[in-house]
PDB file of N, CA and C in Angstrom:
ATOM      1  N   LEU A   1      44.058  98.350  75.108  1.00  0.00           N
ATOM      2  CA  LEU A   1      44.488  96.962  75.457  1.00  0.00           C
ATOM      3  C   LEU A   1      45.997  96.903  75.298  1.00  0.00           C
ATOM      4  N   LEU A   2      46.723  96.497  76.354  1.00  0.00           N
ATOM      5  CA  LEU A   2      48.149  96.394  76.305  1.00  0.00           C
ATOM      6  C   LEU A   2      48.499  94.973  75.798  1.00  0.00           C
ATOM      7  N   VAL A   3      49.035  94.909  74.593  1.00  0.00           N
ATOM      8  CA  VAL A   3      49.292  93.595  73.990  1.00  0.00           C
ATOM      9  C   VAL A   3      50.755  93.242  74.039  1.00  0.00           C
ATOM     10  N   CYS A   4      51.660  94.186  74.327  1.00  0.00           N
ATOM     11  CA  CYS A   4      53.091  93.879  74.332  1.00  0.00           C
ATOM     12  C   CYS A   4      53.737  94.882  75.325  1.00  0.00           C
ATOM     13  N   ALA A   5      54.658  94.450  76.112  1.00  0.00           N
ATOM     14  CA  ALA A   5      55.372  95.298  77.022  1.00  0.00           C
ATOM     15  C   ALA A   5      56.827  94.811  77.141  1.00  0.00           C
ATOM     16  N   THR A   6      57.683  95.729  77.451  1.00  0.00           N
ATOM     17  CA  THR A   6      59.085  95.410  77.633  1.00  0.00           C
ATOM     18  C   THR A   6      59.562  96.174  78.950  1.00  0.00           C
ATOM     19  N   GLY A   7      60.549  95.524  79.608  1.00  0.00           N
ATOM     20  CA  GLY A   7      61.090  96.137  80.768  1.00  0.00           C
ATOM     21  C   GLY A   7      62.516  95.614  80.938  1.00  0.00           C
ATOM     22  N   ALA A   8      63.153  96.113  81.969  1.00  0.00           N
ATOM     23  CA  ALA A   8      64.585  95.624  82.152  1.00  0.00           C
ATOM     24  C   ALA A   8      64.682  94.969  83.460  1.00  0.00           C
ATOM     25  N   PRO A   9      65.054  93.682  83.410  1.00  0.00           N
ATOM     26  CA  PRO A   9      65.229  92.886  84.686  1.00  0.00           C
ATOM     27  C   PRO A   9      66.446  93.534  85.429  1.00  0.00           C
ATOM     28  N   ASP A  10      66.501  93.307  86.685  1.00  0.00           N
ATOM     29  CA  ASP A  10      67.661  93.737  87.451  1.00  0.00           C
ATOM     30  C   ASP A  10      68.951  93.072  87.120  1.00  0.00           C
ATOM     31  N   ILE A  11      70.059  93.716  86.927  1.00  0.00           N
ATOM     32  CA  ILE A  11      71.377  93.138  86.735  1.00  0.00           C
ATOM     33  C   ILE A  11      72.300  93.818  87.821  1.00  0.00           C
ATOM     34  N   PRO A  12      72.187  93.362  89.095  1.00  0.00           N
ATOM     35  CA  PRO A  12      72.787  94.134  90.193  1.00  0.00           C
ATOM     36  C   PRO A  12      74.234  94.489  89.978  1.00  0.00           C
ATOM     37  N   PHE A  13      74.997  93.552  89.524  1.00  0.00           N
ATOM     38  CA  PHE A  13      76.490  93.820  89.494  1.00  0.00           C
ATOM     39  C   PHE A  13      76.943  94.751  88.363  1.00  0.00           C
ATOM     40  N   MET A  14      76.024  95.072  87.464  1.00  0.00           N
ATOM     41  CA  MET A  14      76.367  96.008  86.373  1.00  0.00           C
ATOM     42  C   MET A  14      75.226  96.914  86.015  1.00  0.00           C
ATOM     43  N   GLU A  15      74.402  97.325  86.999  1.00  0.00           N
ATOM     44  CA  GLU A  15      73.182  98.000  86.723  1.00  0.00           C
ATOM     45  C   GLU A  15      73.371  99.381  86.146  1.00  0.00           C
ATOM     46  N   ASP A  16      74.567 100.001  86.382  1.00  0.00           N
ATOM     47  CA  ASP A  16      74.792 101.309  85.773  1.00  0.00           C
ATOM     48  C   ASP A  16      75.553 101.269  84.425  1.00  0.00           C
ATOM     49  N   ILE A  17      75.800 100.098  83.893  1.00  0.00           N
ATOM     50  CA  ILE A  17      76.434  99.904  82.644  1.00  0.00           C
ATOM     51  C   ILE A  17      75.584  99.257  81.534  1.00  0.00           C
ATOM     52  N   ILE A  18      75.003  98.096  81.938  1.00  0.00           N
ATOM     53  CA  ILE A  18      74.220  97.327  80.826  1.00  0.00           C
ATOM     54  C   ILE A  18      72.811  97.263  81.231  1.00  0.00           C
ATOM     55  N   THR A  19      72.026  96.971  80.202  1.00  0.00           N
ATOM     56  CA  THR A  19      70.594  96.735  80.333  1.00  0.00           C
ATOM     57  C   THR A  19      70.147  95.701  79.373  1.00  0.00           C
ATOM     58  N   GLU A  20      69.099  95.010  79.703  1.00  0.00           N
ATOM     59  CA  GLU A  20      68.608  93.915  78.773  1.00  0.00           C
ATOM     60  C   GLU A  20      67.119  93.938  78.791  1.00  0.00           C
ATOM     61  N   PRO A  21      66.560  94.062  77.537  1.00  0.00           N
ATOM     62  CA  PRO A  21      65.066  94.016  77.467  1.00  0.00           C
ATOM     63  C   PRO A  21      64.458  92.722  77.746  1.00  0.00           C
ATOM     64  N   GLY A  22      63.424  92.719  78.562  1.00  0.00           N
ATOM     65  CA  GLY A  22      62.583  91.566  78.733  1.00  0.00           C
ATOM     66  C   GLY A  22      61.309  91.885  77.935  1.00  0.00           C
ATOM     67  N   ILE A  23      60.769  91.003  77.122  1.00  0.00           N
ATOM     68  CA  ILE A  23      59.639  91.283  76.298  1.00  0.00           C
ATOM     69  C   ILE A  23      58.529  90.220  76.453  1.00  0.00           C
ATOM     70  N   ASP A  24      57.338  90.646  76.584  1.00  0.00           N
ATOM     71  CA  ASP A  24      56.188  89.762  76.681  1.00  0.00           C
ATOM     72  C   ASP A  24      55.069  90.290  75.703  1.00  0.00           C
ATOM     73  N   THR A  25      54.562  89.423  74.888  1.00  0.00           N
ATOM     74  CA  THR A  25      53.493  89.729  74.007  1.00  0.00           C
ATOM     75  C   THR A  25      52.364  88.667  74.114  1.00  0.00           C
ATOM     76  N   LEU A  26      51.169  89.135  74.181  1.00  0.00           N
ATOM     77  CA  LEU A  26      50.015  88.237  74.296  1.00  0.00           C
ATOM     78  C   LEU A  26      50.045  87.293  73.033  1.00  0.00           C
ATOM     79  N   PRO A  27      49.827  85.984  73.216  1.00  0.00           N
ATOM     80  CA  PRO A  27      49.980  85.008  72.130  1.00  0.00           C
ATOM     81  C   PRO A  27      49.194  85.466  70.833  1.00  0.00           C
ATOM     82  N   GLU A  28      48.033  85.913  70.954  1.00  0.00           N
ATOM     83  CA  GLU A  28      47.289  86.241  69.719  1.00  0.00           C
ATOM     84  C   GLU A  28      47.814  87.470  68.957  1.00  0.00           C
ATOM     85  N   TYR A  29      48.774  88.180  69.592  1.00  0.00           N
ATOM     86  CA  TYR A  29      49.283  89.396  68.932  1.00  0.00           C
ATOM     87  C   TYR A  29      50.786  89.156  68.471  1.00  0.00           C
ATOM     88  N   ARG A  30      51.309  87.952  68.584  1.00  0.00           N
ATOM     89  CA  ARG A  30      52.612  87.670  68.199  1.00  0.00           C
ATOM     90  C   ARG A  30      52.737  87.680  66.672  1.00  0.00           C
ATOM     91  N   ARG A  31      53.988  87.864  66.172  1.00  0.00           N
ATOM     92  CA  ARG A  31      54.254  87.872  64.736  1.00  0.00           C
ATOM     93  C   ARG A  31      53.643  89.118  64.083  1.00  0.00           C
ATOM     94  N   LYS A  32      53.373  90.208  64.738  1.00  0.00           N
ATOM     95  CA  LYS A  32      52.752  91.376  64.129  1.00  0.00           C
ATOM     96  C   LYS A  32      53.686  92.606  64.429  1.00  0.00           C
ATOM     97  N   ASP A  33      54.916  92.398  64.806  1.00  0.00           N
ATOM     98  CA  ASP A  33      55.958  93.408  64.980  1.00  0.00           C
ATOM     99  C   ASP A  33      55.744  94.264  66.201  1.00  0.00           C
ATOM    100  N   TYR A  34      54.837  93.935  67.095  1.00  0.00           N
ATOM    101  CA  TYR A  34      54.684  94.629  68.395  1.00  0.00           C
ATOM    102  C   TYR A  34      55.968  94.517  69.225  1.00  0.00           C
ATOM    103  N   ALA A  35      56.529  93.325  69.344  1.00  0.00           N
ATOM    104  CA  ALA A  35      57.727  93.116  70.091  1.00  0.00           C
ATOM    105  C   ALA A  35      58.892  93.942  69.471  1.00  0.00           C
ATOM    106  N   PHE A  36      58.975  93.963  68.185  1.00  0.00           N
ATOM    107  CA  PHE A  36      60.030  94.747  67.488  1.00  0.00           C
ATOM    108  C   PHE A  36      59.954  96.247  67.801  1.00  0.00           C
ATOM    109  N   ALA A  37      58.742  96.787  67.748  1.00  0.00           N
ATOM    110  CA  ALA A  37      58.459  98.187  68.073  1.00  0.00           C
ATOM    111  C   ALA A  37      58.802  98.481  69.478  1.00  0.00           C
ATOM    112  N   ALA A  38      58.356  97.629  70.409  1.00  0.00           N
ATOM    113  CA  ALA A  38      58.613  97.901  71.799  1.00  0.00           C
ATOM    114  C   ALA A  38      60.152  97.823  72.164  1.00  0.00           C
ATOM    115  N   CYS A  39      60.799  96.810  71.615  1.00  0.00           N
ATOM    116  CA  CYS A  39      62.229  96.640  71.888  1.00  0.00           C
ATOM    117  C   CYS A  39      63.022  97.707  71.147  1.00  0.00           C
ATOM    118  N   ALA A  40      62.619  98.136  70.072  1.00  0.00           N
ATOM    119  CA  ALA A  40      63.352  99.250  69.345  1.00  0.00           C
ATOM    120  C   ALA A  40      63.298 100.542  70.120  1.00  0.00           C
ATOM    121  N   LYS A  41      62.133 100.880  70.724  1.00  0.00           N
ATOM    122  CA  LYS A  41      61.957 102.001  71.588  1.00  0.00           C
ATOM    123  C   LYS A  41      62.817 101.829  72.868  1.00  0.00           C
ATOM    124  N   PHE A  42      62.810 100.616  73.466  1.00  0.00           N
ATOM    125  CA  PHE A  42      63.614 100.282  74.611  1.00  0.00           C
ATOM    126  C   PHE A  42      65.120 100.608  74.345  1.00  0.00           C
ATOM    127  N   LEU A  43      65.596 100.105  73.122  1.00  0.00           N
ATOM    128  CA  LEU A  43      66.959 100.224  72.802  1.00  0.00           C
ATOM    129  C   LEU A  43      67.334 101.714  72.527  1.00  0.00           C
ATOM    130  N   GLU A  44      66.427 102.452  71.922  1.00  0.00           N
ATOM    131  CA  GLU A  44      66.638 103.860  71.620  1.00  0.00           C
ATOM    132  C   GLU A  44      66.840 104.616  72.964  1.00  0.00           C
ATOM    133  N   ASN A  45      65.973 104.306  73.942  1.00  0.00           N
ATOM    134  CA  ASN A  45      66.057 104.908  75.295  1.00  0.00           C
ATOM    135  C   ASN A  45      67.335 104.544  75.968  1.00  0.00           C
ATOM    136  N   ALA A  46      67.638 103.146  75.989  1.00  0.00           N
ATOM    137  CA  ALA A  46      68.792 102.753  76.660  1.00  0.00           C
ATOM    138  C   ALA A  46      70.087 103.402  76.109  1.00  0.00           C
ATOM    139  N   LEU A  47      70.238 103.417  74.786  1.00  0.00           N
ATOM    140  CA  LEU A  47      71.466 103.950  74.154  1.00  0.00           C
ATOM    141  C   LEU A  47      71.494 105.456  74.407  1.00  0.00           C
ATOM    142  N   SER A  48      70.393 106.143  74.376  1.00  0.00           N
ATOM    143  CA  SER A  48      70.395 107.640  74.664  1.00  0.00           C
ATOM    144  C   SER A  48      70.810 107.923  76.104  1.00  0.00           C
ATOM    145  N   HIS A  49      70.666 106.986  76.973  1.00  0.00           N
ATOM    146  CA  HIS A  49      71.066 107.188  78.455  1.00  0.00           C
ATOM    147  C   HIS A  49      72.499 106.572  78.685  1.00  0.00           C
ATOM    148  N   GLY A  50      73.175 106.106  77.651  1.00  0.00           N
ATOM    149  CA  GLY A  50      74.557 105.575  77.846  1.00  0.00           C
ATOM    150  C   GLY A  50      74.673 104.081  78.323  1.00  0.00           C
ATOM    151  N   TYR A  51      73.571 103.370  78.235  1.00  0.00           N
ATOM    152  CA  TYR A  51      73.674 101.934  78.614  1.00  0.00           C
ATOM    153  C   TYR A  51      74.083 101.088  77.407  1.00  0.00           C
ATOM    154  N   VAL A  52      74.737  99.969  77.723  1.00  0.00           N
ATOM    155  CA  VAL A  52      75.131  98.997  76.731  1.00  0.00           C
ATOM    156  C   VAL A  52      73.949  97.892  76.754  1.00  0.00           C
ATOM    157  N   PRO A  53      73.154  97.803  75.680  1.00  0.00           N
ATOM    158  CA  PRO A  53      72.096  96.869  75.722  1.00  0.00           C
ATOM    159  C   PRO A  53      72.664  95.446  75.292  1.00  0.00           C
ATOM    160  N   ILE A  54      72.238  94.430  76.092  1.00  0.00           N
ATOM    161  CA  ILE A  54      72.637  93.083  75.779  1.00  0.00           C
ATOM    162  C   ILE A  54      71.372  92.256  75.460  1.00  0.00           C
ATOM    163  N   TRP A  55      71.539  91.072  74.971  1.00  0.00           N
ATOM    164  CA  TRP A  55      70.337  90.195  74.612  1.00  0.00           C
ATOM    165  C   TRP A  55      70.738  88.786  75.129  1.00  0.00           C
ATOM    166  N   ASN A  56      69.798  88.220  75.761  1.00  0.00           N
ATOM    167  CA  ASN A  56      69.992  86.802  76.332  1.00  0.00           C
ATOM    168  C   ASN A  56      68.738  86.013  76.071  1.00  0.00           C
ATOM    169  N   CYS A  57      68.947  84.867  75.540  1.00  0.00           N
ATOM    170  CA  CYS A  57      67.736  83.939  75.382  1.00  0.00           C
ATOM    171  C   CYS A  57      68.281  82.492  75.310  1.00  0.00           C
ATOM    172  N   ARG A  58      67.375  81.565  75.591  1.00  0.00           N
ATOM    173  CA  ARG A  58      67.644  80.169  75.454  1.00  0.00           C
ATOM    174  C   ARG A  58      68.004  79.722  74.047  1.00  0.00           C
ATOM    175  N   ASN A  59      68.827  78.719  73.846  1.00  0.00           N
ATOM    176  CA  ASN A  59      69.214  78.292  72.561  1.00  0.00           C
ATOM    177  C   ASN A  59      68.050  77.884  71.718  1.00  0.00           C
ATOM    178  N   ASP A  60      67.013  77.363  72.344  1.00  0.00           N
ATOM    179  CA  ASP A  60      65.854  76.854  71.574  1.00  0.00           C
ATOM    180  C   ASP A  60      64.812  77.958  71.314  1.00  0.00           C
ATOM    181  N   ASN A  61      65.118  79.183  71.608  1.00  0.00           N
ATOM    182  CA  ASN A  61      64.059  80.215  71.444  1.00  0.00           C
ATOM    183  C   ASN A  61      64.356  80.899  70.113  1.00  0.00           C
ATOM    184  N   ALA A  62      63.899  80.335  69.027  1.00  0.00           N
ATOM    185  CA  ALA A  62      64.114  80.844  67.655  1.00  0.00           C
ATOM    186  C   ALA A  62      63.491  82.193  67.461  1.00  0.00           C
ATOM    187  N   ALA A  63      62.330  82.468  67.997  1.00  0.00           N
ATOM    188  CA  ALA A  63      61.619  83.738  67.797  1.00  0.00           C
ATOM    189  C   ALA A  63      62.504  84.837  68.458  1.00  0.00           C
ATOM    190  N   SER A  64      63.093  84.653  69.581  1.00  0.00           N
ATOM    191  CA  SER A  64      63.912  85.622  70.292  1.00  0.00           C
ATOM    192  C   SER A  64      65.212  85.898  69.512  1.00  0.00           C
ATOM    193  N   TYR A  65      65.779  84.813  68.880  1.00  0.00           N
ATOM    194  CA  TYR A  65      66.955  84.987  68.034  1.00  0.00           C
ATOM    195  C   TYR A  65      66.635  85.906  66.856  1.00  0.00           C
ATOM    196  N   ARG A  66      65.435  85.587  66.195  1.00  0.00           N
ATOM    197  CA  ARG A  66      65.054  86.341  65.040  1.00  0.00           C
ATOM    198  C   ARG A  66      64.856  87.805  65.379  1.00  0.00           C
ATOM    199  N   LEU A  67      64.157  88.091  66.514  1.00  0.00           N
ATOM    200  CA  LEU A  67      63.915  89.409  66.968  1.00  0.00           C
ATOM    201  C   LEU A  67      65.235  90.166  67.261  1.00  0.00           C
ATOM    202  N   ALA A  68      66.146  89.485  67.951  1.00  0.00           N
ATOM    203  CA  ALA A  68      67.499  90.205  68.214  1.00  0.00           C
ATOM    204  C   ALA A  68      68.201  90.538  66.929  1.00  0.00           C
ATOM    205  N   GLU A  69      68.194  89.581  66.021  1.00  0.00           N
ATOM    206  CA  GLU A  69      68.889  89.900  64.744  1.00  0.00           C
ATOM    207  C   GLU A  69      68.163  91.053  63.984  1.00  0.00           C
ATOM    208  N   LYS A  70      66.826  91.026  63.977  1.00  0.00           N
ATOM    209  CA  LYS A  70      66.059  92.141  63.344  1.00  0.00           C
ATOM    210  C   LYS A  70      66.373  93.505  63.933  1.00  0.00           C
ATOM    211  N   LEU A  71      66.607  93.459  65.213  1.00  0.00           N
ATOM    212  CA  LEU A  71      66.975  94.704  65.953  1.00  0.00           C
ATOM    213  C   LEU A  71      68.371  95.195  65.746  1.00  0.00           C
ATOM    214  N   GLY A  72      69.207  94.298  65.148  1.00  0.00           N
ATOM    215  CA  GLY A  72      70.639  94.654  64.926  1.00  0.00           C
ATOM    216  C   GLY A  72      71.639  94.074  65.788  1.00  0.00           C
ATOM    217  N   TYR A  73      71.200  93.182  66.742  1.00  0.00           N
ATOM    218  CA  TYR A  73      72.124  92.411  67.528  1.00  0.00           C
ATOM    219  C   TYR A  73      72.901  91.388  66.640  1.00  0.00           C
ATOM    220  N   ALA A  74      74.136  91.061  67.053  1.00  0.00           N
ATOM    221  CA  ALA A  74      74.927  90.095  66.364  1.00  0.00           C
ATOM    222  C   ALA A  74      75.245  89.059  67.463  1.00  0.00           C
ATOM    223  N   PHE A  75      75.253  87.761  67.128  1.00  0.00           N
ATOM    224  CA  PHE A  75      75.623  86.689  68.061  1.00  0.00           C
ATOM    225  C   PHE A  75      77.059  86.839  68.371  1.00  0.00           C
ATOM    226  N   LEU A  76      77.329  86.852  69.683  1.00  0.00           N
ATOM    227  CA  LEU A  76      78.749  86.976  70.146  1.00  0.00           C
ATOM    228  C   LEU A  76      79.373  85.698  70.665  1.00  0.00           C
ATOM    229  N   CYS A  77      78.606  84.970  71.518  1.00  0.00           N
ATOM    230  CA  CYS A  77      79.157  83.750  72.044  1.00  0.00           C
ATOM    231  C   CYS A  77      78.062  82.935  72.790  1.00  0.00           C
ATOM    232  N   GLY A  78      78.342  81.676  72.967  1.00  0.00           N
ATOM    233  CA  GLY A  78      77.423  80.877  73.711  1.00  0.00           C
ATOM    234  C   GLY A  78      77.828  80.930  75.175  1.00  0.00           C
ATOM    235  N   LEU A  79      76.970  80.549  76.056  1.00  0.00           N
ATOM    236  CA  LEU A  79      77.242  80.607  77.476  1.00  0.00           C
ATOM    237  C   LEU A  79      76.783  79.325  78.162  1.00  0.00           C
ATOM    238  N   PHE A  80      77.608  78.798  79.019  1.00  0.00           N
ATOM    239  CA  PHE A  80      77.290  77.559  79.707  1.00  0.00           C
ATOM    240  C   PHE A  80      76.747  77.967  81.128  1.00  0.00           C
ATOM    241  N   THR A  81      75.660  77.325  81.567  1.00  0.00           N
ATOM    242  CA  THR A  81      75.210  77.606  82.882  1.00  0.00           C
ATOM    243  C   THR A  81      74.961  76.277  83.622  1.00  0.00           C
ATOM    244  N   VAL A  82      74.871  76.362  84.887  1.00  0.00           N
ATOM    245  CA  VAL A  82      74.557  75.106  85.663  1.00  0.00           C
ATOM    246  C   VAL A  82      73.358  75.466  86.537  1.00  0.00           C
ATOM    247  N   GLU A  83      72.394  74.557  86.564  1.00  0.00           N
ATOM    248  CA  GLU A  83      71.241  74.663  87.424  1.00  0.00           C
ATOM    249  C   GLU A  83      71.335  73.612  88.548  1.00  0.00           C
ATOM    250  N   GLY A  84      71.010  74.053  89.720  1.00  0.00           N
ATOM    251  CA  GLY A  84      71.063  73.082  90.819  1.00  0.00           C
ATOM    252  C   GLY A  84      72.242  73.228  91.719  1.00  0.00           C
ATOM    253  N   VAL A  85      72.573  72.249  92.446  1.00  0.00           N
ATOM    254  CA  VAL A  85      73.714  72.220  93.445  1.00  0.00           C
ATOM    255  C   VAL A  85      74.853  71.377  92.896  1.00  0.00           C
ATOM    256  N   ILE A  86      75.982  71.910  92.960  1.00  0.00           N
ATOM    257  CA  ILE A  86      77.206  71.234  92.526  1.00  0.00           C
ATOM    258  C   ILE A  86      77.739  70.383  93.732  1.00  0.00           C
ATOM    259  N   SER A  87      78.071  69.166  93.458  1.00  0.00           N
ATOM    260  CA  SER A  87      78.568  68.329  94.498  1.00  0.00           C
ATOM    261  C   SER A  87      79.885  67.701  94.102  1.00  0.00           C
ATOM    262  N   ASN A  88      80.724  67.430  95.063  1.00  0.00           N
ATOM    263  CA  ASN A  88      82.069  66.835  94.875  1.00  0.00           C
ATOM    264  C   ASN A  88      81.992  65.337  95.003  1.00  0.00           C
ATOM    265  N   ASP A  89      80.754  64.773  95.178  1.00  0.00           N
ATOM    266  CA  ASP A  89      80.608  63.333  95.404  1.00  0.00           C
ATOM    267  C   ASP A  89      80.985  62.529  94.196  1.00  0.00           C
TER     268      ASP A  89
END
């Protein structure tokens, strides 16, 4: 039974430099360190191939923040984004 998986979403403008793990764990298997193990292996592989791993999550995703910190990531900066269409009206 596959309970947790990680992969790298496309980052077209920097695909040969950076990578970012995407992680999904079945709800009943969360908080059992499966995500940590999968991401740790992902990072090991990324670093061994010369990629710079980044981490991105929503401000309200406390579990993702905890996992990133546990993996050794340090918070660098906040980022503002805009959703929708910008109008000059």
